[in-house]
Amino acid sequence: MSLTLFLVSFYTLVGAYWLVRPLKVGVFVALVGLSSEPEAKLGTLVVLLPILLGYNAAVARVTDMKRLVAVVAGAYAAIFAAIGLVLPIALASSSSPSPSLSASWAWLGWVTYWVIESFGSVCVAMMWSVLSSVLASRPKATAAHVYPLAVVVCQLGAITGASLATRTASLGFGFMFFVGAAAVAGVIVTSSAAVSYAAASAVAAPSEAAEAGLLSGGQLAAQIETLEDKNAPQAAASASHLPPPRGGRGSAAQRRQRRQTGLLEGLIIIGTDTYVGGILVVSTFAELIGTILDYQMKVVAKREYATPEAFAGFMGYFGVAVNSMSLVFALVGTKRFLAMFGLRAALLAYPLGCASVVGLVYLAPSLAFMFVGMVALKAFNYSLNNPAKELLYLSTTPDVRFKAKSWIDMFGTRLAKGVELDGGAP
């Protein structure tokens, strides 16, 4: 039951994200203009910094994962509902012949862009952290089978959300944001129930999880064990300031210690632990290439899709294509690839794919080739590269999975995107 509820939570959350993600670009084009997107990407870093500090403060003080999800997801649900209420008025004013009236709503385009950017960084990363914490107390063979299944469910949710986004022209931006708000609110309910069931099952029947792990094992579990052995020295060196690698609340002394670590503890861990620093490099390096290709595709597509609704629809179709291909690979290839070639090969595959797409676009710089190349690249990232990165966190502690991971996912990758996009903007 716990796993089912977690999968429902992931389906709903990722579906909500891929619903509002195409809307983000459409709204920004309508109220601000696509030429300002590089500045918006860099501005995301400034916006994310206080959000990230607040998130780390919440992680340090809120020991109940259910309450953490409720606070963070509830805030985004309320903001999406507010945007859905105001946005139709802003879009009507933006088409006004009066330049002053049209420009007066530009702020909403910036806010919408930054809210959705931070939503993808904060909420999705938070849910993976919650799942990692629950699985950390289970046999690693169990995690080896749960992660590929979670990826499949995420792709189904993404296809659903992106498919709905293609109907923006007929349903309107406001309605779409209300649907997104309702979906995020639903995640609070399902994830809370999932955590409660997981805690109850761990106390009532701890042997069942062990038995399930023994039945499913395999090469991937052995690879995770090997990673854990290789990084034992780093774990020992970090033991003085990190709590035991468990997913529970811990003792009162441990909770006080977590509160005293400070808001920048995640950065300290990244700077002092070579294993966690390596995860940062893996997470950000390939973004430097992928982001500029994505922006160039949007520039070319904007010339063919004139209205904001049509452009949002194009991005919705792009999302459907990306996640459909990701789903196929996740069903037939993710688990098999990891078992046959291992984590190292999975982490190296994405940079090699980036290089291949760059060559394709260089030889044939058309929208069709850009579309196909970016679909393949992003599908490969979502179905293989991201699950491989998440598996790297299994041998870490709660502070690494929440604090350090938040800096890596929310700030490190955004920094790579913002710097490269600003440098490559036409």
Protein backbone atom coordinates (compact mmCIF):
# COMPACT_ATOMS: atom_id res chain seq x y z
CA MET A 1 0.00 0.00 0.00
CA SER A 2 2.82 2.42 0.86
CA LEU A 3 4.52 1.88 -2.49
CA THR A 4 1.24 2.31 -4.35
CA LEU A 5 0.56 5.62 -2.63
CA PHE A 6 4.09 6.82 -3.33
CA LEU A 7 3.62 5.98 -7.00
CA VAL A 8 0.30 7.86 -7.06
CA SER A 9 2.06 10.84 -5.47
CA PHE A 10 4.79 10.79 -8.10
CA TYR A 11 2.26 10.40 -10.91
CA THR A 12 0.25 13.38 -9.70
CA LEU A 13 3.20 15.63 -8.87
CA VAL A 14 5.09 15.03 -12.11
CA GLY A 15 1.85 15.35 -14.05
CA ALA A 16 1.23 18.74 -12.45
CA TYR A 17 4.77 19.84 -13.25
CA TRP A 18 4.54 18.85 -16.91
CA LEU A 19 1.19 20.60 -17.13
CA VAL A 20 2.50 23.95 -15.93
CA ARG A 21 5.95 23.67 -17.52
CA PRO A 22 4.74 24.38 -21.10
CA LEU A 23 2.49 27.11 -19.70
CA LYS A 24 5.55 28.79 -18.16
CA VAL A 25 7.06 29.52 -21.56
CA GLY A 26 3.75 30.51 -23.14
CA VAL A 27 2.92 32.99 -20.38
CA PHE A 28 6.43 34.43 -20.42
CA VAL A 29 6.34 34.91 -24.20
CA ALA A 30 2.96 36.67 -23.95
CA LEU A 31 3.77 39.02 -21.06
CA VAL A 32 7.53 39.54 -21.40
CA GLY A 33 9.03 38.02 -24.57
CA LEU A 34 11.20 35.01 -25.39
CA SER A 35 14.29 37.19 -25.86
CA SER A 36 14.31 37.81 -22.10
CA GLU A 37 14.42 34.11 -21.15
CA PRO A 38 18.22 34.09 -20.57
CA GLU A 39 17.75 36.83 -17.96
CA ALA A 40 14.87 34.85 -16.46
CA LYS A 41 17.08 31.76 -16.16
CA LEU A 42 19.78 33.74 -14.38
CA GLY A 43 17.15 35.43 -12.22
CA THR A 44 16.01 31.98 -11.15
CA LEU A 45 19.27 31.63 -9.23
CA VAL A 46 18.51 34.75 -7.21
CA VAL A 47 14.96 33.58 -6.53
CA LEU A 48 16.03 30.07 -5.59
CA LEU A 49 18.57 31.18 -3.01
CA PRO A 50 16.09 32.36 -0.33
CA ILE A 51 13.75 29.48 -1.22
CA LEU A 52 16.61 27.04 -0.77
CA LEU A 53 17.65 28.57 2.54
CA GLY A 54 14.06 28.38 3.73
CA TYR A 55 13.76 24.77 2.57
CA ASN A 56 16.95 23.81 4.42
CA ALA A 57 15.64 25.56 7.53
CA ALA A 58 12.41 23.58 7.25
CA VAL A 59 14.33 20.32 6.82
CA ALA A 60 16.39 21.11 9.92
CA ARG A 61 13.35 21.94 12.07
CA VAL A 62 10.52 19.81 10.70
CA THR A 63 11.31 16.21 11.56
CA ASP A 64 7.97 14.95 10.23
CA MET A 65 8.23 14.35 6.46
CA LYS A 66 4.44 14.60 6.11
CA ARG A 67 4.43 18.10 7.54
CA LEU A 68 7.35 19.13 5.31
CA VAL A 69 5.51 18.02 2.17
CA ALA A 70 2.31 19.70 3.35
CA VAL A 71 4.02 23.06 3.91
CA VAL A 72 6.00 23.12 0.67
CA ALA A 73 3.39 21.61 -1.66
CA GLY A 74 0.59 23.59 -0.02
CA ALA A 75 2.42 26.85 -0.72
CA TYR A 76 2.80 26.03 -4.42
CA ALA A 77 -0.82 24.90 -4.72
CA ALA A 78 -1.97 28.26 -3.34
CA ILE A 79 0.34 30.20 -5.67
CA PHE A 80 -0.84 28.27 -8.74
CA ALA A 81 -4.45 28.99 -7.82
CA ALA A 82 -3.67 32.70 -7.45
CA ILE A 83 -1.93 32.78 -10.84
CA GLY A 84 -4.89 31.03 -12.43
CA LEU A 85 -7.18 33.70 -11.01
CA VAL A 86 -5.15 36.72 -12.17
CA LEU A 87 -3.64 35.46 -15.42
CA PRO A 88 -6.73 35.83 -17.68
CA ILE A 89 -6.91 39.51 -16.75
CA ALA A 90 -3.20 39.98 -17.46
CA LEU A 91 -3.37 38.24 -20.84
CA ALA A 92 -6.35 40.35 -21.87
CA SER A 93 -4.43 43.50 -20.93
CA SER A 94 -1.28 42.34 -22.74
CA SER A 95 -3.15 42.40 -26.05
CA SER A 96 -4.22 46.00 -25.45
CA PRO A 97 -2.98 48.58 -27.99
CA SER A 98 -1.80 50.71 -25.06
CA PRO A 99 1.91 49.94 -24.43
CA SER A 100 1.74 51.10 -20.81
CA LEU A 101 -1.20 48.83 -20.01
CA SER A 102 0.48 45.89 -21.73
CA ALA A 103 3.79 46.41 -19.90
CA SER A 104 2.10 46.78 -16.51
CA TRP A 105 1.56 43.00 -16.33
CA ALA A 106 5.10 41.98 -17.29
CA TRP A 107 5.86 41.30 -13.62
CA LEU A 108 3.37 38.43 -13.64
CA GLY A 109 5.26 36.78 -16.49
CA TRP A 110 8.48 36.91 -14.47
CA VAL A 111 6.79 35.66 -11.31
CA THR A 112 5.06 32.80 -13.12
CA TYR A 113 8.32 31.75 -14.75
CA TRP A 114 10.24 31.74 -11.46
CA VAL A 115 7.48 30.01 -9.50
CA ILE A 116 7.31 27.13 -11.98
CA GLU A 117 11.11 26.89 -12.21
CA SER A 118 11.37 26.66 -8.43
CA PHE A 119 8.45 24.22 -8.28
CA GLY A 120 10.27 21.77 -10.51
CA SER A 121 13.42 22.13 -8.44
CA VAL A 122 11.90 22.04 -4.96
CA CYS A 123 8.87 19.75 -4.97
CA VAL A 124 10.09 17.02 -7.29
CA ALA A 125 13.48 16.86 -5.55
CA MET A 126 11.73 16.79 -2.18
CA MET A 127 9.57 13.81 -3.14
CA TRP A 128 12.61 11.86 -4.33
CA SER A 129 14.30 12.68 -1.02
CA VAL A 130 11.30 11.40 0.92
CA LEU A 131 11.29 8.17 -1.09
CA SER A 132 15.05 7.76 -0.64
CA SER A 133 14.69 8.17 3.12
CA VAL A 134 11.97 5.53 3.28
CA LEU A 135 13.97 3.11 1.13
CA ALA A 136 17.20 3.74 3.05
CA SER A 137 15.94 1.51 5.86
CA ARG A 138 14.96 -1.26 3.43
CA PRO A 139 17.17 -3.80 1.63
CA LYS A 140 18.99 -2.18 -1.26
CA ALA A 141 17.67 -4.80 -3.63
CA THR A 142 14.20 -3.40 -2.93
CA ALA A 143 15.33 0.07 -4.00
CA ALA A 144 16.89 -1.42 -7.12
CA HIS A 145 13.40 -2.44 -8.25
CA VAL A 146 11.41 0.49 -6.85
CA TYR A 147 13.33 3.21 -8.70
CA PRO A 148 12.73 1.88 -12.24
CA LEU A 149 9.04 1.43 -11.38
CA ALA A 150 8.87 4.99 -10.05
CA VAL A 151 10.45 6.25 -13.27
CA VAL A 152 7.75 4.51 -15.33
CA VAL A 153 5.00 6.06 -13.22
CA CYS A 154 6.63 9.49 -13.47
CA GLN A 155 6.67 9.23 -17.26
CA LEU A 156 2.98 8.30 -17.30
CA GLY A 157 2.21 11.33 -15.16
CA ALA A 158 4.34 13.55 -17.38
CA ILE A 159 2.57 12.32 -20.52
CA THR A 160 -0.79 13.04 -18.91
CA GLY A 161 0.21 16.56 -17.85
CA ALA A 162 1.87 17.46 -21.15
CA SER A 163 -1.10 16.08 -23.10
CA LEU A 164 -3.44 18.32 -21.15
CA ALA A 165 -1.15 21.28 -21.85
CA THR A 166 -1.70 20.80 -25.59
CA ARG A 167 -5.33 21.85 -24.99
CA THR A 168 -4.34 25.29 -23.69
CA ALA A 169 -5.77 27.09 -26.72
CA SER A 170 -9.26 25.70 -26.05
CA LEU A 171 -9.28 25.51 -22.23
CA GLY A 172 -7.27 28.63 -21.38
CA PHE A 173 -4.28 29.35 -19.19
CA GLY A 174 -6.36 30.09 -16.09
CA PHE A 175 -8.11 26.71 -16.10
CA MET A 176 -4.79 24.91 -16.54
CA PHE A 177 -3.30 26.55 -13.48
CA PHE A 178 -6.35 25.64 -11.39
CA VAL A 179 -5.92 22.01 -12.45
CA GLY A 180 -2.25 22.19 -11.49
CA ALA A 181 -3.14 23.62 -8.08
CA ALA A 182 -5.64 20.83 -7.42
CA ALA A 183 -3.11 18.17 -8.44
CA VAL A 184 -0.41 19.53 -6.12
CA ALA A 185 -2.92 19.66 -3.26
CA GLY A 186 -3.73 16.02 -3.93
CA VAL A 187 -0.06 15.11 -3.54
CA ILE A 188 -0.21 16.27 0.08
CA VAL A 189 -2.91 13.71 0.85
CA THR A 190 -1.38 10.74 -0.97
CA SER A 191 2.20 11.32 0.20
CA SER A 192 1.09 11.75 3.80
CA ALA A 193 -0.74 8.44 3.66
CA ALA A 194 2.28 6.79 2.00
CA VAL A 195 4.66 7.89 4.75
CA SER A 196 2.21 6.75 7.44
CA TYR A 197 1.81 3.31 5.87
CA ALA A 198 5.58 2.99 5.43
CA ALA A 199 6.20 3.79 9.09
CA ALA A 200 3.49 1.38 10.23
CA SER A 201 4.75 -1.46 8.04
CA ALA A 202 8.34 -0.94 9.19
CA VAL A 203 7.26 -1.33 12.82
CA ALA A 204 4.65 -4.06 12.38
CA ALA A 205 6.39 -6.35 9.90
CA PRO A 206 10.08 -5.55 9.41
CA SER A 207 10.78 -9.04 8.10
CA GLU A 208 8.47 -8.62 5.10
CA ALA A 209 10.68 -5.98 3.52
CA ALA A 210 13.75 -8.12 4.06
CA GLU A 211 12.04 -11.09 2.47
CA ALA A 212 11.01 -8.97 -0.52
CA GLY A 213 14.59 -7.82 -0.90
CA LEU A 214 15.96 -11.37 -0.85
CA LEU A 215 13.53 -12.39 -3.55
CA SER A 216 14.49 -9.57 -5.92
CA GLY A 217 18.25 -8.84 -5.52
CA GLY A 218 20.50 -8.77 -8.56
CA GLN A 219 23.48 -7.07 -10.03
CA LEU A 220 22.25 -3.54 -9.40
CA ALA A 221 22.00 -4.13 -5.65
CA ALA A 222 25.55 -5.45 -5.69
CA GLN A 223 26.68 -2.32 -7.51
CA ILE A 224 25.13 -0.13 -4.84
CA GLU A 225 26.84 -2.17 -2.14
CA THR A 226 30.15 -1.71 -3.97
CA LEU A 227 29.61 2.04 -4.10
CA GLU A 228 28.88 2.05 -0.39
CA ASP A 229 32.12 0.14 0.34
CA LYS A 230 34.20 2.44 -1.84
CA ASN A 231 32.87 5.49 -0.05
CA ALA A 232 33.18 4.14 3.48
CA PRO A 233 36.20 6.42 4.23
CA GLN A 234 34.24 9.52 3.22
CA ALA A 235 31.27 8.39 5.28
CA ALA A 236 33.52 7.86 8.29
CA ALA A 237 35.11 11.27 7.83
CA SER A 238 31.67 12.87 7.69
CA ALA A 239 30.27 11.01 10.70
CA SER A 240 31.12 13.81 13.09
CA HIS A 241 28.55 16.18 11.60
CA LEU A 242 26.06 13.87 9.87
CA PRO A 243 23.36 11.83 11.65
CA PRO A 244 23.17 8.05 11.25
CA PRO A 245 22.02 7.00 7.77
CA ARG A 246 18.46 6.25 8.72
CA GLY A 247 15.17 7.66 7.50
CA GLY A 248 13.49 8.09 10.90
CA ARG A 249 13.23 10.95 13.34
CA GLY A 250 16.18 9.93 15.52
CA SER A 251 16.69 10.75 19.17
CA ALA A 252 16.09 14.16 20.71
CA ALA A 253 19.85 14.79 20.80
CA GLN A 254 20.13 13.97 17.10
CA ARG A 255 17.28 16.34 16.25
CA ARG A 256 18.97 19.12 18.22
CA GLN A 257 22.20 18.39 16.36
CA ARG A 258 20.40 18.66 13.02
CA ARG A 259 18.99 22.06 13.97
CA GLN A 260 22.44 23.30 14.93
CA THR A 261 24.04 22.40 11.60
CA GLY A 262 22.91 25.66 10.00
CA LEU A 263 21.26 26.63 6.75
CA LEU A 264 24.47 26.18 4.73
CA GLU A 265 25.16 22.65 5.94
CA GLY A 266 24.36 21.27 2.50
CA LEU A 267 27.08 23.41 0.91
CA ILE A 268 29.55 22.35 3.60
CA ILE A 269 28.84 18.70 2.90
CA ILE A 270 29.32 19.19 -0.85
CA GLY A 271 32.62 20.98 -0.28
CA THR A 272 34.06 18.50 2.22
CA ASP A 273 32.76 15.14 0.98
CA THR A 274 34.34 14.10 -2.33
CA TYR A 275 31.59 11.57 -3.06
CA VAL A 276 28.84 14.19 -2.75
CA GLY A 277 30.95 16.66 -4.72
CA GLY A 278 31.16 14.08 -7.48
CA ILE A 279 27.36 13.88 -7.56
CA LEU A 280 27.31 17.67 -8.09
CA VAL A 281 29.63 17.36 -11.09
CA VAL A 282 27.55 14.54 -12.58
CA SER A 283 24.33 16.52 -12.09
CA THR A 284 25.49 19.81 -13.62
CA PHE A 285 28.06 19.10 -16.31
CA ALA A 286 25.75 17.83 -19.05
CA GLU A 287 23.24 20.64 -18.36
CA LEU A 288 25.69 23.09 -19.94
CA ILE A 289 25.06 21.58 -23.37
CA GLY A 290 21.44 20.53 -23.05
CA THR A 291 20.18 23.95 -21.96
CA ILE A 292 21.57 25.90 -24.90
CA LEU A 293 20.12 23.37 -27.35
CA ASP A 294 16.72 23.63 -25.66
CA TYR A 295 16.75 27.43 -25.92
CA GLN A 296 17.73 27.38 -29.59
CA MET A 297 14.83 25.04 -30.31
CA LYS A 298 12.43 27.46 -28.61
CA VAL A 299 13.77 30.39 -30.65
CA VAL A 300 13.20 28.51 -33.91
CA ALA A 301 9.77 27.25 -32.79
CA LYS A 302 8.61 30.75 -31.83
CA ARG A 303 8.93 31.80 -35.47
CA GLU A 304 6.42 29.13 -36.50
CA TYR A 305 3.97 29.38 -33.56
CA ALA A 306 2.96 33.01 -33.26
CA THR A 307 0.38 33.05 -30.43
CA PRO A 308 1.23 32.24 -26.78
CA GLU A 309 -1.41 29.49 -26.71
CA ALA A 310 -0.02 27.87 -29.88
CA PHE A 311 3.52 28.05 -28.53
CA ALA A 312 2.41 26.51 -25.22
CA GLY A 313 0.69 23.78 -27.23
CA PHE A 314 3.93 23.08 -29.13
CA MET A 315 5.80 22.76 -25.84
CA GLY A 316 3.05 20.43 -24.66
CA TYR A 317 3.54 18.19 -27.70
CA PHE A 318 7.27 18.31 -27.04
CA GLY A 319 6.60 17.12 -23.49
CA VAL A 320 4.39 14.29 -24.72
CA ALA A 321 7.08 13.13 -27.16
CA VAL A 322 9.85 13.33 -24.56
CA ASN A 323 7.97 11.43 -21.91
CA SER A 324 6.52 8.85 -24.30
CA MET A 325 10.03 7.96 -25.41
CA SER A 326 11.20 8.01 -21.79
CA LEU A 327 8.39 5.63 -20.86
CA VAL A 328 9.35 3.15 -23.58
CA PHE A 329 12.98 3.19 -22.51
CA ALA A 330 12.04 2.96 -18.83
CA LEU A 331 9.88 -0.10 -19.52
CA VAL A 332 12.40 -2.00 -21.63
CA GLY A 333 15.79 -0.47 -20.98
CA THR A 334 16.45 1.34 -17.69
CA LYS A 335 16.65 -1.63 -15.35
CA ARG A 336 18.32 -3.85 -17.95
CA PHE A 337 20.91 -1.20 -18.85
CA LEU A 338 21.81 -0.60 -15.20
CA ALA A 339 22.04 -4.32 -14.48
CA MET A 340 24.19 -5.08 -17.52
CA PHE A 341 26.50 -2.07 -17.65
CA GLY A 342 26.32 -0.57 -14.16
CA LEU A 343 25.97 2.91 -12.73
CA ARG A 344 29.20 4.25 -14.19
CA ALA A 345 28.15 3.50 -17.77
CA ALA A 346 24.69 4.97 -17.12
CA LEU A 347 26.21 8.21 -15.86
CA LEU A 348 28.58 8.46 -18.84
CA ALA A 349 25.86 7.75 -21.42
CA TYR A 350 24.12 11.14 -21.11
CA PRO A 351 27.18 13.34 -21.86
CA LEU A 352 27.92 11.15 -24.87
CA GLY A 353 24.32 11.60 -26.00
CA CYS A 354 24.68 15.38 -25.68
CA ALA A 355 27.71 15.31 -27.97
CA SER A 356 25.77 13.27 -30.54
CA VAL A 357 22.84 15.71 -30.57
CA VAL A 358 25.19 18.68 -30.96
CA GLY A 359 26.65 17.02 -34.05
CA LEU A 360 23.17 16.33 -35.45
CA VAL A 361 21.97 19.91 -34.98
CA TYR A 362 25.21 21.29 -36.43
CA LEU A 363 24.76 19.24 -39.60
CA ALA A 364 21.02 19.96 -39.96
CA PRO A 365 19.94 23.08 -37.98
CA SER A 366 16.18 22.78 -38.61
CA LEU A 367 13.28 22.68 -36.15
CA ALA A 368 12.53 19.05 -37.06
CA PHE A 369 16.05 17.86 -36.29
CA MET A 370 16.22 20.01 -33.15
CA PHE A 371 12.91 18.54 -32.00
CA VAL A 372 14.00 14.93 -32.60
CA GLY A 373 17.43 15.48 -31.04
CA MET A 374 16.08 17.18 -27.93
CA VAL A 375 13.35 14.56 -27.50
CA ALA A 376 15.95 11.79 -27.57
CA LEU A 377 18.32 13.67 -25.27
CA LYS A 378 15.74 14.58 -22.64
CA ALA A 379 14.15 11.13 -22.76
CA PHE A 380 17.55 9.58 -22.13
CA ASN A 381 18.09 11.98 -19.25
CA TYR A 382 14.75 11.32 -17.56
CA SER A 383 14.69 7.54 -18.02
CA LEU A 384 18.34 6.63 -17.33
CA ASN A 385 20.51 9.50 -16.14
CA ASN A 386 18.17 10.75 -13.40
CA PRO A 387 17.46 7.29 -11.88
CA ALA A 388 21.20 6.57 -11.89
CA LYS A 389 21.87 9.82 -10.02
CA GLU A 390 19.16 9.03 -7.47
CA LEU A 391 20.73 5.63 -6.77
CA LEU A 392 23.95 7.40 -5.78
CA TYR A 393 22.16 8.81 -2.72
CA LEU A 394 21.28 5.41 -1.23
CA SER A 395 24.68 5.08 0.46
CA THR A 396 24.40 8.54 2.05
CA THR A 397 22.80 9.99 5.19
CA PRO A 398 19.61 12.05 5.67
CA ASP A 399 21.55 15.34 5.68
CA VAL A 400 23.05 14.45 2.31
CA ARG A 401 19.70 13.29 0.87
CA PHE A 402 17.85 16.44 1.93
CA LYS A 403 20.30 19.30 2.51
CA ALA A 404 23.15 18.59 0.09
CA LYS A 405 20.77 17.17 -2.52
CA SER A 406 18.62 20.29 -2.36
CA TRP A 407 21.63 22.47 -3.19
CA ILE A 408 22.65 20.15 -6.01
CA ASP A 409 19.19 19.78 -7.56
CA MET A 410 17.82 23.24 -6.93
CA PHE A 411 20.87 25.46 -7.28
CA GLY A 412 23.73 23.59 -8.95
CA THR A 413 21.80 22.57 -12.06
CA ARG A 414 20.08 25.99 -12.28
CA LEU A 415 23.46 27.72 -12.13
CA ALA A 416 24.70 25.59 -15.01
CA LYS A 417 21.57 26.36 -17.02
CA GLY A 418 21.60 30.08 -16.32
CA VAL A 419 25.28 30.65 -17.08
CA GLU A 420 25.29 28.63 -20.28
CA LEU A 421 21.99 30.06 -21.54
CA ASP A 422 23.14 33.63 -20.96
CA GLY A 423 26.37 32.93 -22.78
CA GLY A 424 24.67 31.26 -25.73
CA ALA A 425 21.72 33.56 -26.21
CA PRO A 426 21.54 35.19 -29.63
